[in-house]
Amino acid sequence: MIKAIFKTDDKDQFISLQVTGHAFAGEYGQDIVCAGVSAVVLSTVNNLTRMGNIEPIIEADEENGGYLYIELTNDLSIEQKSIAQTLFMSCYLAMSADIEANYSDFIRVSKITK
């Protein structure tokens, strides 16, 4: 199962995302849950850079897959923070209201306050 944990601060502002596990919703290369999660999360990471010139802290298990951690840094401008919050919210909604809502046997999405 894929677990996605979005962390927010006490003002409900996103600060990080951790995605772990594998969906096992289909054969390798045919797993639509994995593909959906990968597309949404990687688009978020790429768009942080493309749209906001933001370089988040990223940790990944590139050998085995199944682990990605993204954290926003504290040195963002007001405009960068706004872009980052919009992108994180979009990612959260796509994963919770779209993917998890339709494939809850394969993914759990949570939002916690740090």
PDB file of N, CA and C in Angstrom:
ATOM      1  N   MET A   1       0.841  -1.181   0.000  1.00  0.00           N
ATOM      2  CA  MET A   1       0.000   0.000   0.000  1.00  0.00           C
ATOM      3  C   MET A   1       0.886   1.244   0.000  1.00  0.00           C
ATOM      4  N   ILE A   2       0.443   2.245  -0.727  1.00  0.00           N
ATOM      5  CA  ILE A   2       1.128   3.540  -0.736  1.00  0.00           C
ATOM      6  C   ILE A   2       0.578   4.367   0.414  1.00  0.00           C
ATOM      7  N   LYS A   3       1.477   5.008   1.154  1.00  0.00           N
ATOM      8  CA  LYS A   3       1.076   5.922   2.215  1.00  0.00           C
ATOM      9  C   LYS A   3       1.676   7.285   1.900  1.00  0.00           C
ATOM     10  N   ALA A   4       0.806   8.287   1.855  1.00  0.00           N
ATOM     11  CA  ALA A   4       1.245   9.662   1.607  1.00  0.00           C
ATOM     12  C   ALA A   4       0.891  10.491   2.825  1.00  0.00           C
ATOM     13  N   ILE A   5       1.902  11.113   3.426  1.00  0.00           N
ATOM     14  CA  ILE A   5       1.692  11.931   4.618  1.00  0.00           C
ATOM     15  C   ILE A   5       2.117  13.360   4.303  1.00  0.00           C
ATOM     16  N   PHE A   6       1.135  14.245   4.315  1.00  0.00           N
ATOM     17  CA  PHE A   6       1.380  15.673   4.135  1.00  0.00           C
ATOM     18  C   PHE A   6       1.475  16.293   5.516  1.00  0.00           C
ATOM     19  N   LYS A   7       2.540  17.037   5.771  1.00  0.00           N
ATOM     20  CA  LYS A   7       2.690  17.728   7.055  1.00  0.00           C
ATOM     21  C   LYS A   7       2.451  19.208   6.853  1.00  0.00           C
ATOM     22  N   THR A   8       1.702  19.779   7.805  1.00  0.00           N
ATOM     23  CA  THR A   8       1.432  21.210   7.792  1.00  0.00           C
ATOM     24  C   THR A   8       1.895  21.822   9.103  1.00  0.00           C
ATOM     25  N   ASP A   9       2.055  23.141   9.080  1.00  0.00           N
ATOM     26  CA  ASP A   9       2.404  23.838  10.309  1.00  0.00           C
ATOM     27  C   ASP A   9       1.130  24.224  11.054  1.00  0.00           C
ATOM     28  N   ASP A  10       1.266  24.972  12.131  1.00  0.00           N
ATOM     29  CA  ASP A  10       0.102  25.337  12.941  1.00  0.00           C
ATOM     30  C   ASP A  10      -0.827  26.330  12.245  1.00  0.00           C
ATOM     31  N   LYS A  11      -0.423  26.840  11.082  1.00  0.00           N
ATOM     32  CA  LYS A  11      -1.276  27.735  10.285  1.00  0.00           C
ATOM     33  C   LYS A  11      -1.856  26.999   9.074  1.00  0.00           C
ATOM     34  N   ASP A  12      -1.754  25.657   9.087  1.00  0.00           N
ATOM     35  CA  ASP A  12      -2.246  24.783   8.025  1.00  0.00           C
ATOM     36  C   ASP A  12      -1.531  25.014   6.693  1.00  0.00           C
ATOM     37  N   GLN A  13      -0.276  25.436   6.765  1.00  0.00           N
ATOM     38  CA  GLN A  13       0.545  25.612   5.570  1.00  0.00           C
ATOM     39  C   GLN A  13       1.380  24.349   5.374  1.00  0.00           C
ATOM     40  N   PHE A  14       1.389  23.822   4.163  1.00  0.00           N
ATOM     41  CA  PHE A  14       2.151  22.616   3.871  1.00  0.00           C
ATOM     42  C   PHE A  14       3.639  22.863   4.072  1.00  0.00           C
ATOM     43  N   ILE A  15       4.310  21.874   4.692  1.00  0.00           N
ATOM     44  CA  ILE A  15       5.758  21.978   4.856  1.00  0.00           C
ATOM     45  C   ILE A  15       6.496  20.776   4.261  1.00  0.00           C
ATOM     46  N   SER A  16       5.803  19.610   4.180  1.00  0.00           N
ATOM     47  CA  SER A  16       6.477  18.455   3.599  1.00  0.00           C
ATOM     48  C   SER A  16       5.478  17.402   3.134  1.00  0.00           C
ATOM     49  N   LEU A  17       5.995  16.481   2.355  1.00  0.00           N
ATOM     50  CA  LEU A  17       5.242  15.327   1.872  1.00  0.00           C
ATOM     51  C   LEU A  17       6.172  14.127   1.887  1.00  0.00           C
ATOM     52  N   GLN A  18       5.672  13.025   2.439  1.00  0.00           N
ATOM     53  CA  GLN A  18       6.415  11.771   2.404  1.00  0.00           C
ATOM     54  C   GLN A  18       5.521  10.706   1.779  1.00  0.00           C
ATOM     55  N   VAL A  19       6.033  10.043   0.757  1.00  0.00           N
ATOM     56  CA  VAL A  19       5.302   8.966   0.091  1.00  0.00           C
ATOM     57  C   VAL A  19       6.125   7.695   0.233  1.00  0.00           C
ATOM     58  N   THR A  20       5.487   6.643   0.762  1.00  0.00           N
ATOM     59  CA  THR A  20       6.182   5.369   0.960  1.00  0.00           C
ATOM     60  C   THR A  20       5.323   4.215   0.443  1.00  0.00           C
ATOM     61  N   GLY A  21       5.988   3.122   0.132  1.00  0.00           N
ATOM     62  CA  GLY A  21       5.295   1.893  -0.223  1.00  0.00           C
ATOM     63  C   GLY A  21       5.027   1.732  -1.706  1.00  0.00           C
ATOM     64  N   HIS A  22       4.340   0.647  -2.006  1.00  0.00           N
ATOM     65  CA  HIS A  22       3.957   0.303  -3.373  1.00  0.00           C
ATOM     66  C   HIS A  22       2.481  -0.061  -3.382  1.00  0.00           C
ATOM     67  N   ALA A  23       1.791   0.253  -4.449  1.00  0.00           N
ATOM     68  CA  ALA A  23       0.350   0.007  -4.523  1.00  0.00           C
ATOM     69  C   ALA A  23       0.043  -1.473  -4.751  1.00  0.00           C
ATOM     70  N   PHE A  24       0.783  -2.123  -5.612  1.00  0.00           N
ATOM     71  CA  PHE A  24       0.499  -3.503  -6.010  1.00  0.00           C
ATOM     72  C   PHE A  24      -0.931  -3.643  -6.523  1.00  0.00           C
ATOM     73  N   ALA A  25      -1.358  -2.657  -7.314  1.00  0.00           N
ATOM     74  CA  ALA A  25      -2.710  -2.661  -7.877  1.00  0.00           C
ATOM     75  C   ALA A  25      -2.745  -3.297  -9.267  1.00  0.00           C
ATOM     76  N   GLY A  26      -1.618  -3.761  -9.722  1.00  0.00           N
ATOM     77  CA  GLY A  26      -1.533  -4.393 -11.035  1.00  0.00           C
ATOM     78  C   GLY A  26      -0.110  -4.857 -11.270  1.00  0.00           C
ATOM     79  N   GLU A  27       0.081  -5.528 -12.385  1.00  0.00           N
ATOM     80  CA  GLU A  27       1.413  -6.003 -12.733  1.00  0.00           C
ATOM     81  C   GLU A  27       2.353  -4.816 -12.960  1.00  0.00           C
ATOM     82  N   TYR A  28       3.640  -5.066 -12.795  1.00  0.00           N
ATOM     83  CA  TYR A  28       4.636  -4.031 -13.021  1.00  0.00           C
ATOM     84  C   TYR A  28       4.412  -3.419 -14.404  1.00  0.00           C
ATOM     85  N   GLY A  29       4.346  -2.108 -14.455  1.00  0.00           N
ATOM     86  CA  GLY A  29       4.098  -1.412 -15.708  1.00  0.00           C
ATOM     87  C   GLY A  29       2.626  -1.240 -16.032  1.00  0.00           C
ATOM     88  N   GLN A  30       1.752  -1.889 -15.267  1.00  0.00           N
ATOM     89  CA  GLN A  30       0.310  -1.797 -15.492  1.00  0.00           C
ATOM     90  C   GLN A  30      -0.427  -1.274 -14.262  1.00  0.00           C
ATOM     91  N   ASP A  31       0.307  -0.850 -13.249  1.00  0.00           N
ATOM     92  CA  ASP A  31      -0.278  -0.410 -11.980  1.00  0.00           C
ATOM     93  C   ASP A  31      -0.719   1.044 -12.092  1.00  0.00           C
ATOM     94  N   ILE A  32      -2.032   1.269 -12.298  1.00  0.00           N
ATOM     95  CA  ILE A  32      -2.512   2.631 -12.524  1.00  0.00           C
ATOM     96  C   ILE A  32      -2.469   3.488 -11.261  1.00  0.00           C
ATOM     97  N   VAL A  33      -2.538   2.876 -10.088  1.00  0.00           N
ATOM     98  CA  VAL A  33      -2.437   3.660  -8.853  1.00  0.00           C
ATOM     99  C   VAL A  33      -1.018   4.198  -8.709  1.00  0.00           C
ATOM    100  N   CYS A  34      -0.052   3.343  -8.907  1.00  0.00           N
ATOM    101  CA  CYS A  34       1.347   3.764  -8.845  1.00  0.00           C
ATOM    102  C   CYS A  34       1.626   4.840  -9.893  1.00  0.00           C
ATOM    103  N   ALA A  35       1.134   4.625 -11.087  1.00  0.00           N
ATOM    104  CA  ALA A  35       1.350   5.591 -12.165  1.00  0.00           C
ATOM    105  C   ALA A  35       0.717   6.936 -11.829  1.00  0.00           C
ATOM    106  N   GLY A  36      -0.493   6.911 -11.277  1.00  0.00           N
ATOM    107  CA  GLY A  36      -1.175   8.148 -10.914  1.00  0.00           C
ATOM    108  C   GLY A  36      -0.445   8.910  -9.829  1.00  0.00           C
ATOM    109  N   VAL A  37      -0.048   8.199  -8.792  1.00  0.00           N
ATOM    110  CA  VAL A  37       0.675   8.829  -7.687  1.00  0.00           C
ATOM    111  C   VAL A  37       2.005   9.381  -8.189  1.00  0.00           C
ATOM    112  N   SER A  38       2.717   8.597  -8.962  1.00  0.00           N
ATOM    113  CA  SER A  38       4.008   9.045  -9.491  1.00  0.00           C
ATOM    114  C   SER A  38       3.852  10.301 -10.330  1.00  0.00           C
ATOM    115  N   ALA A  39       2.852  10.330 -11.194  1.00  0.00           N
ATOM    116  CA  ALA A  39       2.649  11.488 -12.059  1.00  0.00           C
ATOM    117  C   ALA A  39       2.331  12.740 -11.249  1.00  0.00           C
ATOM    118  N   VAL A  40       1.447  12.609 -10.271  1.00  0.00           N
ATOM    119  CA  VAL A  40       1.054  13.766  -9.465  1.00  0.00           C
ATOM    120  C   VAL A  40       2.232  14.282  -8.634  1.00  0.00           C
ATOM    121  N   VAL A  41       2.941  13.383  -7.980  1.00  0.00           N
ATOM    122  CA  VAL A  41       4.033  13.793  -7.097  1.00  0.00           C
ATOM    123  C   VAL A  41       5.213  14.350  -7.893  1.00  0.00           C
ATOM    124  N   LEU A  42       5.580  13.690  -8.965  1.00  0.00           N
ATOM    125  CA  LEU A  42       6.711  14.179  -9.759  1.00  0.00           C
ATOM    126  C   LEU A  42       6.373  15.504 -10.441  1.00  0.00           C
ATOM    127  N   SER A  43       5.136  15.682 -10.866  1.00  0.00           N
ATOM    128  CA  SER A  43       4.726  16.974 -11.429  1.00  0.00           C
ATOM    129  C   SER A  43       4.836  18.072 -10.381  1.00  0.00           C
ATOM    130  N   THR A  44       4.448  17.753  -9.156  1.00  0.00           N
ATOM    131  CA  THR A  44       4.550  18.736  -8.075  1.00  0.00           C
ATOM    132  C   THR A  44       6.006  19.147  -7.867  1.00  0.00           C
ATOM    133  N   VAL A  45       6.886  18.179  -7.774  1.00  0.00           N
ATOM    134  CA  VAL A  45       8.311  18.473  -7.581  1.00  0.00           C
ATOM    135  C   VAL A  45       8.852  19.294  -8.754  1.00  0.00           C
ATOM    136  N   ASN A  46       8.570  18.855  -9.965  1.00  0.00           N
ATOM    137  CA  ASN A  46       9.081  19.566 -11.140  1.00  0.00           C
ATOM    138  C   ASN A  46       8.511  20.980 -11.235  1.00  0.00           C
ATOM    139  N   ASN A  47       7.238  21.143 -10.898  1.00  0.00           N
ATOM    140  CA  ASN A  47       6.621  22.463 -10.999  1.00  0.00           C
ATOM    141  C   ASN A  47       7.063  23.412  -9.890  1.00  0.00           C
ATOM    142  N   LEU A  48       7.482  22.893  -8.759  1.00  0.00           N
ATOM    143  CA  LEU A  48       8.085  23.768  -7.746  1.00  0.00           C
ATOM    144  C   LEU A  48       9.281  24.490  -8.355  1.00  0.00           C
ATOM    145  N   THR A  49      10.081  23.746  -9.101  1.00  0.00           N
ATOM    146  CA  THR A  49      11.257  24.330  -9.743  1.00  0.00           C
ATOM    147  C   THR A  49      10.868  25.203 -10.934  1.00  0.00           C
ATOM    148  N   ARG A  50       9.993  24.682 -11.791  1.00  0.00           N
ATOM    149  CA  ARG A  50       9.634  25.402 -13.018  1.00  0.00           C
ATOM    150  C   ARG A  50       8.846  26.677 -12.746  1.00  0.00           C
ATOM    151  N   MET A  51       7.887  26.611 -11.856  1.00  0.00           N
ATOM    152  CA  MET A  51       6.984  27.740 -11.637  1.00  0.00           C
ATOM    153  C   MET A  51       7.476  28.701 -10.553  1.00  0.00           C
ATOM    154  N   GLY A  52       8.169  28.154  -9.554  1.00  0.00           N
ATOM    155  CA  GLY A  52       8.551  28.994  -8.429  1.00  0.00           C
ATOM    156  C   GLY A  52      10.027  29.158  -8.208  1.00  0.00           C
ATOM    157  N   ASN A  53      10.839  28.523  -9.055  1.00  0.00           N
ATOM    158  CA  ASN A  53      12.281  28.550  -8.847  1.00  0.00           C
ATOM    159  C   ASN A  53      12.619  28.113  -7.421  1.00  0.00           C
ATOM    160  N   ILE A  54      11.914  27.071  -6.977  1.00  0.00           N
ATOM    161  CA  ILE A  54      12.046  26.537  -5.618  1.00  0.00           C
ATOM    162  C   ILE A  54      12.826  25.226  -5.692  1.00  0.00           C
ATOM    163  N   GLU A  55      13.817  25.104  -4.841  1.00  0.00           N
ATOM    164  CA  GLU A  55      14.596  23.870  -4.736  1.00  0.00           C
ATOM    165  C   GLU A  55      14.293  23.236  -3.381  1.00  0.00           C
ATOM    166  N   PRO A  56      13.307  22.349  -3.317  1.00  0.00           N
ATOM    167  CA  PRO A  56      12.975  21.731  -2.039  1.00  0.00           C
ATOM    168  C   PRO A  56      14.037  20.712  -1.635  1.00  0.00           C
ATOM    169  N   ILE A  57      14.006  20.331  -0.378  1.00  0.00           N
ATOM    170  CA  ILE A  57      14.829  19.223   0.100  1.00  0.00           C
ATOM    171  C   ILE A  57      14.151  17.947  -0.389  1.00  0.00           C
ATOM    172  N   ILE A  58      14.904  17.090  -1.060  1.00  0.00           N
ATOM    173  CA  ILE A  58      14.335  15.863  -1.607  1.00  0.00           C
ATOM    174  C   ILE A  58      15.200  14.678  -1.192  1.00  0.00           C
ATOM    175  N   GLU A  59      14.527  13.645  -0.705  1.00  0.00           N
ATOM    176  CA  GLU A  59      15.181  12.369  -0.419  1.00  0.00           C
ATOM    177  C   GLU A  59      14.390  11.295  -1.155  1.00  0.00           C
ATOM    178  N   ALA A  60      15.086  10.366  -1.792  1.00  0.00           N
ATOM    179  CA  ALA A  60      14.402   9.305  -2.530  1.00  0.00           C
ATOM    180  C   ALA A  60      15.216   8.029  -2.479  1.00  0.00           C
ATOM    181  N   ASP A  61      14.509   6.907  -2.540  1.00  0.00           N
ATOM    182  CA  ASP A  61      15.161   5.615  -2.693  1.00  0.00           C
ATOM    183  C   ASP A  61      15.140   5.306  -4.187  1.00  0.00           C
ATOM    184  N   GLU A  62      16.195   5.707  -4.865  1.00  0.00           N
ATOM    185  CA  GLU A  62      16.231   5.554  -6.313  1.00  0.00           C
ATOM    186  C   GLU A  62      16.537   4.125  -6.735  1.00  0.00           C
ATOM    187  N   GLU A  63      17.047   3.313  -5.827  1.00  0.00           N
ATOM    188  CA  GLU A  63      17.366   1.927  -6.157  1.00  0.00           C
ATOM    189  C   GLU A  63      16.132   1.034  -6.098  1.00  0.00           C
ATOM    190  N   ASN A  64      15.363   1.139  -5.013  1.00  0.00           N
ATOM    191  CA  ASN A  64      14.200   0.271  -4.826  1.00  0.00           C
ATOM    192  C   ASN A  64      12.874   0.970  -5.076  1.00  0.00           C
ATOM    193  N   GLY A  65      12.893   2.287  -5.151  1.00  0.00           N
ATOM    194  CA  GLY A  65      11.636   3.026  -5.276  1.00  0.00           C
ATOM    195  C   GLY A  65      10.840   2.920  -3.993  1.00  0.00           C
ATOM    196  N   GLY A  66       9.641   3.422  -4.013  1.00  0.00           N
ATOM    197  CA  GLY A  66       8.775   3.286  -2.845  1.00  0.00           C
ATOM    198  C   GLY A  66       9.044   4.275  -1.731  1.00  0.00           C
ATOM    199  N   TYR A  67       9.892   5.276  -1.962  1.00  0.00           N
ATOM    200  CA  TYR A  67      10.134   6.298  -0.943  1.00  0.00           C
ATOM    201  C   TYR A  67      10.507   7.617  -1.604  1.00  0.00           C
ATOM    202  N   LEU A  68       9.759   8.671  -1.237  1.00  0.00           N
ATOM    203  CA  LEU A  68      10.086  10.017  -1.681  1.00  0.00           C
ATOM    204  C   LEU A  68       9.675  10.977  -0.583  1.00  0.00           C
ATOM    205  N   TYR A  69      10.587  11.878  -0.234  1.00  0.00           N
ATOM    206  CA  TYR A  69      10.333  12.894   0.780  1.00  0.00           C
ATOM    207  C   TYR A  69      10.634  14.249   0.170  1.00  0.00           C
ATOM    208  N   ILE A  70       9.699  15.189   0.325  1.00  0.00           N
ATOM    209  CA  ILE A  70       9.846  16.543  -0.197  1.00  0.00           C
ATOM    210  C   ILE A  70       9.580  17.511   0.949  1.00  0.00           C
ATOM    211  N   GLU A  71      10.497  18.430   1.174  1.00  0.00           N
ATOM    212  CA  GLU A  71      10.315  19.427   2.234  1.00  0.00           C
ATOM    213  C   GLU A  71      10.623  20.812   1.694  1.00  0.00           C
ATOM    214  N   LEU A  72       9.754  21.756   2.004  1.00  0.00           N
ATOM    215  CA  LEU A  72       9.993  23.143   1.624  1.00  0.00           C
ATOM    216  C   LEU A  72      10.997  23.760   2.591  1.00  0.00           C
ATOM    217  N   THR A  73      11.864  24.601   2.066  1.00  0.00           N
ATOM    218  CA  THR A  73      12.838  25.280   2.910  1.00  0.00           C
ATOM    219  C   THR A  73      12.216  26.539   3.504  1.00  0.00           C
ATOM    220  N   ASN A  74      12.856  27.100   4.507  1.00  0.00           N
ATOM    221  CA  ASN A  74      12.329  28.272   5.211  1.00  0.00           C
ATOM    222  C   ASN A  74      12.673  29.606   4.554  1.00  0.00           C
ATOM    223  N   ASP A  75      13.478  29.572   3.516  1.00  0.00           N
ATOM    224  CA  ASP A  75      13.963  30.814   2.925  1.00  0.00           C
ATOM    225  C   ASP A  75      13.186  31.255   1.679  1.00  0.00           C
ATOM    226  N   LEU A  76      11.935  30.835   1.547  1.00  0.00           N
ATOM    227  CA  LEU A  76      11.140  31.169   0.374  1.00  0.00           C
ATOM    228  C   LEU A  76      10.571  32.585   0.474  1.00  0.00           C
ATOM    229  N   SER A  77      10.490  33.244  -0.673  1.00  0.00           N
ATOM    230  CA  SER A  77       9.845  34.556  -0.726  1.00  0.00           C
ATOM    231  C   SER A  77       8.331  34.373  -0.564  1.00  0.00           C
ATOM    232  N   ILE A  78       7.614  35.455  -0.394  1.00  0.00           N
ATOM    233  CA  ILE A  78       6.152  35.385  -0.262  1.00  0.00           C
ATOM    234  C   ILE A  78       5.543  34.766  -1.517  1.00  0.00           C
ATOM    235  N   GLU A  79       6.042  35.170  -2.678  1.00  0.00           N
ATOM    236  CA  GLU A  79       5.532  34.618  -3.942  1.00  0.00           C
ATOM    237  C   GLU A  79       5.832  33.125  -4.054  1.00  0.00           C
ATOM    238  N   GLN A  80       7.032  32.716  -3.689  1.00  0.00           N
ATOM    239  CA  GLN A  80       7.391  31.301  -3.732  1.00  0.00           C
ATOM    240  C   GLN A  80       6.531  30.485  -2.766  1.00  0.00           C
ATOM    241  N   LYS A  81       6.281  31.017  -1.578  1.00  0.00           N
ATOM    242  CA  LYS A  81       5.428  30.322  -0.614  1.00  0.00           C
ATOM    243  C   LYS A  81       4.037  30.116  -1.184  1.00  0.00           C
ATOM    244  N   SER A  82       3.508  31.137  -1.848  1.00  0.00           N
ATOM    245  CA  SER A  82       2.175  31.041  -2.443  1.00  0.00           C
ATOM    246  C   SER A  82       2.133  29.959  -3.523  1.00  0.00           C
ATOM    247  N   ILE A  83       3.128  29.945  -4.377  1.00  0.00           N
ATOM    248  CA  ILE A  83       3.210  28.929  -5.436  1.00  0.00           C
ATOM    249  C   ILE A  83       3.330  27.543  -4.818  1.00  0.00           C
ATOM    250  N   ALA A  84       4.204  27.397  -3.838  1.00  0.00           N
ATOM    251  CA  ALA A  84       4.414  26.105  -3.188  1.00  0.00           C
ATOM    252  C   ALA A  84       3.130  25.608  -2.525  1.00  0.00           C
ATOM    253  N   GLN A  85       2.403  26.488  -1.847  1.00  0.00           N
ATOM    254  CA  GLN A  85       1.164  26.084  -1.181  1.00  0.00           C
ATOM    255  C   GLN A  85       0.113  25.643  -2.200  1.00  0.00           C
ATOM    256  N   THR A  86       0.035  26.350  -3.312  1.00  0.00           N
ATOM    257  CA  THR A  86      -0.916  25.977  -4.362  1.00  0.00           C
ATOM    258  C   THR A  86      -0.572  24.614  -4.943  1.00  0.00           C
ATOM    259  N   LEU A  87       0.706  24.386  -5.216  1.00  0.00           N
ATOM    260  CA  LEU A  87       1.123  23.104  -5.773  1.00  0.00           C
ATOM    261  C   LEU A  87       0.927  21.954  -4.783  1.00  0.00           C
ATOM    262  N   PHE A  88       1.264  22.170  -3.521  1.00  0.00           N
ATOM    263  CA  PHE A  88       1.061  21.126  -2.514  1.00  0.00           C
ATOM    264  C   PHE A  88      -0.428  20.825  -2.334  1.00  0.00           C
ATOM    265  N   MET A  89      -1.267  21.872  -2.326  1.00  0.00           N
ATOM    266  CA  MET A  89      -2.710  21.646  -2.184  1.00  0.00           C
ATOM    267  C   MET A  89      -3.252  20.870  -3.378  1.00  0.00           C
ATOM    268  N   SER A  90      -2.804  21.209  -4.555  1.00  0.00           N
ATOM    269  CA  SER A  90      -3.220  20.489  -5.753  1.00  0.00           C
ATOM    270  C   SER A  90      -2.821  19.012  -5.662  1.00  0.00           C
ATOM    271  N   CYS A  91      -1.608  18.756  -5.223  1.00  0.00           N
ATOM    272  CA  CYS A  91      -1.123  17.389  -5.047  1.00  0.00           C
ATOM    273  C   CYS A  91      -1.961  16.658  -4.001  1.00  0.00           C
ATOM    274  N   TYR A  92      -2.203  17.318  -2.872  1.00  0.00           N
ATOM    275  CA  TYR A  92      -3.005  16.712  -1.805  1.00  0.00           C
ATOM    276  C   TYR A  92      -4.413  16.365  -2.290  1.00  0.00           C
ATOM    277  N   LEU A  93      -5.053  17.290  -2.970  1.00  0.00           N
ATOM    278  CA  LEU A  93      -6.413  17.043  -3.450  1.00  0.00           C
ATOM    279  C   LEU A  93      -6.446  15.938  -4.503  1.00  0.00           C
ATOM    280  N   ALA A  94      -5.493  15.928  -5.406  1.00  0.00           N
ATOM    281  CA  ALA A  94      -5.438  14.880  -6.429  1.00  0.00           C
ATOM    282  C   ALA A  94      -5.268  13.511  -5.785  1.00  0.00           C
ATOM    283  N   MET A  95      -4.397  13.442  -4.786  1.00  0.00           N
ATOM    284  CA  MET A  95      -4.144  12.148  -4.160  1.00  0.00           C
ATOM    285  C   MET A  95      -5.282  11.708  -3.239  1.00  0.00           C
ATOM    286  N   SER A  96      -5.880  12.639  -2.506  1.00  0.00           N
ATOM    287  CA  SER A  96      -6.927  12.252  -1.549  1.00  0.00           C
ATOM    288  C   SER A  96      -8.310  12.189  -2.185  1.00  0.00           C
ATOM    289  N   ALA A  97      -8.694  13.230  -2.907  1.00  0.00           N
ATOM    290  CA  ALA A  97     -10.057  13.315  -3.442  1.00  0.00           C
ATOM    291  C   ALA A  97     -10.226  12.551  -4.754  1.00  0.00           C
ATOM    292  N   ASP A  98      -9.132  12.267  -5.431  1.00  0.00           N
ATOM    293  CA  ASP A  98      -9.231  11.551  -6.700  1.00  0.00           C
ATOM    294  C   ASP A  98      -8.708  10.115  -6.586  1.00  0.00           C
ATOM    295  N   ILE A  99      -7.421   9.973  -6.325  1.00  0.00           N
ATOM    296  CA  ILE A  99      -6.823   8.634  -6.338  1.00  0.00           C
ATOM    297  C   ILE A  99      -7.313   7.804  -5.147  1.00  0.00           C
ATOM    298  N   GLU A 100      -7.163   8.317  -3.928  1.00  0.00           N
ATOM    299  CA  GLU A 100      -7.586   7.537  -2.757  1.00  0.00           C
ATOM    300  C   GLU A 100      -9.092   7.280  -2.773  1.00  0.00           C
ATOM    301  N   ALA A 101      -9.871   8.250  -3.200  1.00  0.00           N
ATOM    302  CA  ALA A 101     -11.328   8.088  -3.237  1.00  0.00           C
ATOM    303  C   ALA A 101     -11.751   6.928  -4.136  1.00  0.00           C
ATOM    304  N   ASN A 102     -10.963   6.643  -5.158  1.00  0.00           N
ATOM    305  CA  ASN A 102     -11.305   5.572  -6.096  1.00  0.00           C
ATOM    306  C   ASN A 102     -10.531   4.279  -5.888  1.00  0.00           C
ATOM    307  N   TYR A 103      -9.413   4.345  -5.182  1.00  0.00           N
ATOM    308  CA  TYR A 103      -8.546   3.168  -5.019  1.00  0.00           C
ATOM    309  C   TYR A 103      -8.085   3.023  -3.573  1.00  0.00           C
ATOM    310  N   SER A 104      -9.007   3.114  -2.636  1.00  0.00           N
ATOM    311  CA  SER A 104      -8.659   3.128  -1.212  1.00  0.00           C
ATOM    312  C   SER A 104      -8.039   1.818  -0.710  1.00  0.00           C
ATOM    313  N   ASP A 105      -8.125   0.765  -1.473  1.00  0.00           N
ATOM    314  CA  ASP A 105      -7.458  -0.485  -1.083  1.00  0.00           C
ATOM    315  C   ASP A 105      -5.951  -0.404  -1.300  1.00  0.00           C
ATOM    316  N   PHE A 106      -5.505   0.610  -2.036  1.00  0.00           N
ATOM    317  CA  PHE A 106      -4.104   0.666  -2.448  1.00  0.00           C
ATOM    318  C   PHE A 106      -3.350   1.906  -1.971  1.00  0.00           C
ATOM    319  N   ILE A 107      -4.068   2.885  -1.418  1.00  0.00           N
ATOM    320  CA  ILE A 107      -3.407   4.130  -1.010  1.00  0.00           C
ATOM    321  C   ILE A 107      -4.128   4.739   0.193  1.00  0.00           C
ATOM    322  N   ARG A 108      -3.341   5.310   1.110  1.00  0.00           N
ATOM    323  CA  ARG A 108      -3.853   6.078   2.247  1.00  0.00           C
ATOM    324  C   ARG A 108      -3.160   7.435   2.232  1.00  0.00           C
ATOM    325  N   VAL A 109      -3.959   8.476   2.290  1.00  0.00           N
ATOM    326  CA  VAL A 109      -3.441   9.843   2.301  1.00  0.00           C
ATOM    327  C   VAL A 109      -3.844  10.482   3.605  1.00  0.00           C
ATOM    328  N   SER A 110      -2.896  11.128   4.266  1.00  0.00           N
ATOM    329  CA  SER A 110      -3.211  11.821   5.517  1.00  0.00           C
ATOM    330  C   SER A 110      -2.525  13.176   5.534  1.00  0.00           C
ATOM    331  N   LYS A 111      -3.109  14.058   6.336  1.00  0.00           N
ATOM    332  CA  LYS A 111      -2.533  15.395   6.535  1.00  0.00           C
ATOM    333  C   LYS A 111      -2.432  15.583   8.047  1.00  0.00           C
ATOM    334  N   ILE A 112      -1.222  15.840   8.501  1.00  0.00           N
ATOM    335  CA  ILE A 112      -0.997  16.009   9.942  1.00  0.00           C
ATOM    336  C   ILE A 112      -0.313  17.333  10.213  1.00  0.00           C
ATOM    337  N   THR A 113      -0.542  17.863  11.397  1.00  0.00           N
ATOM    338  CA  THR A 113       0.116  19.102  11.798  1.00  0.00           C
ATOM    339  C   THR A 113       1.380  18.754  12.557  1.00  0.00           C
ATOM    340  N   LYS A 114       2.469  19.372  12.169  1.00  0.00           N
ATOM    341  CA  LYS A 114       3.775  19.101  12.789  1.00  0.00           C
ATOM    342  C   LYS A 114       3.833  19.735  14.155  1.00  0.00           C
TER     343      LYS A 114
END
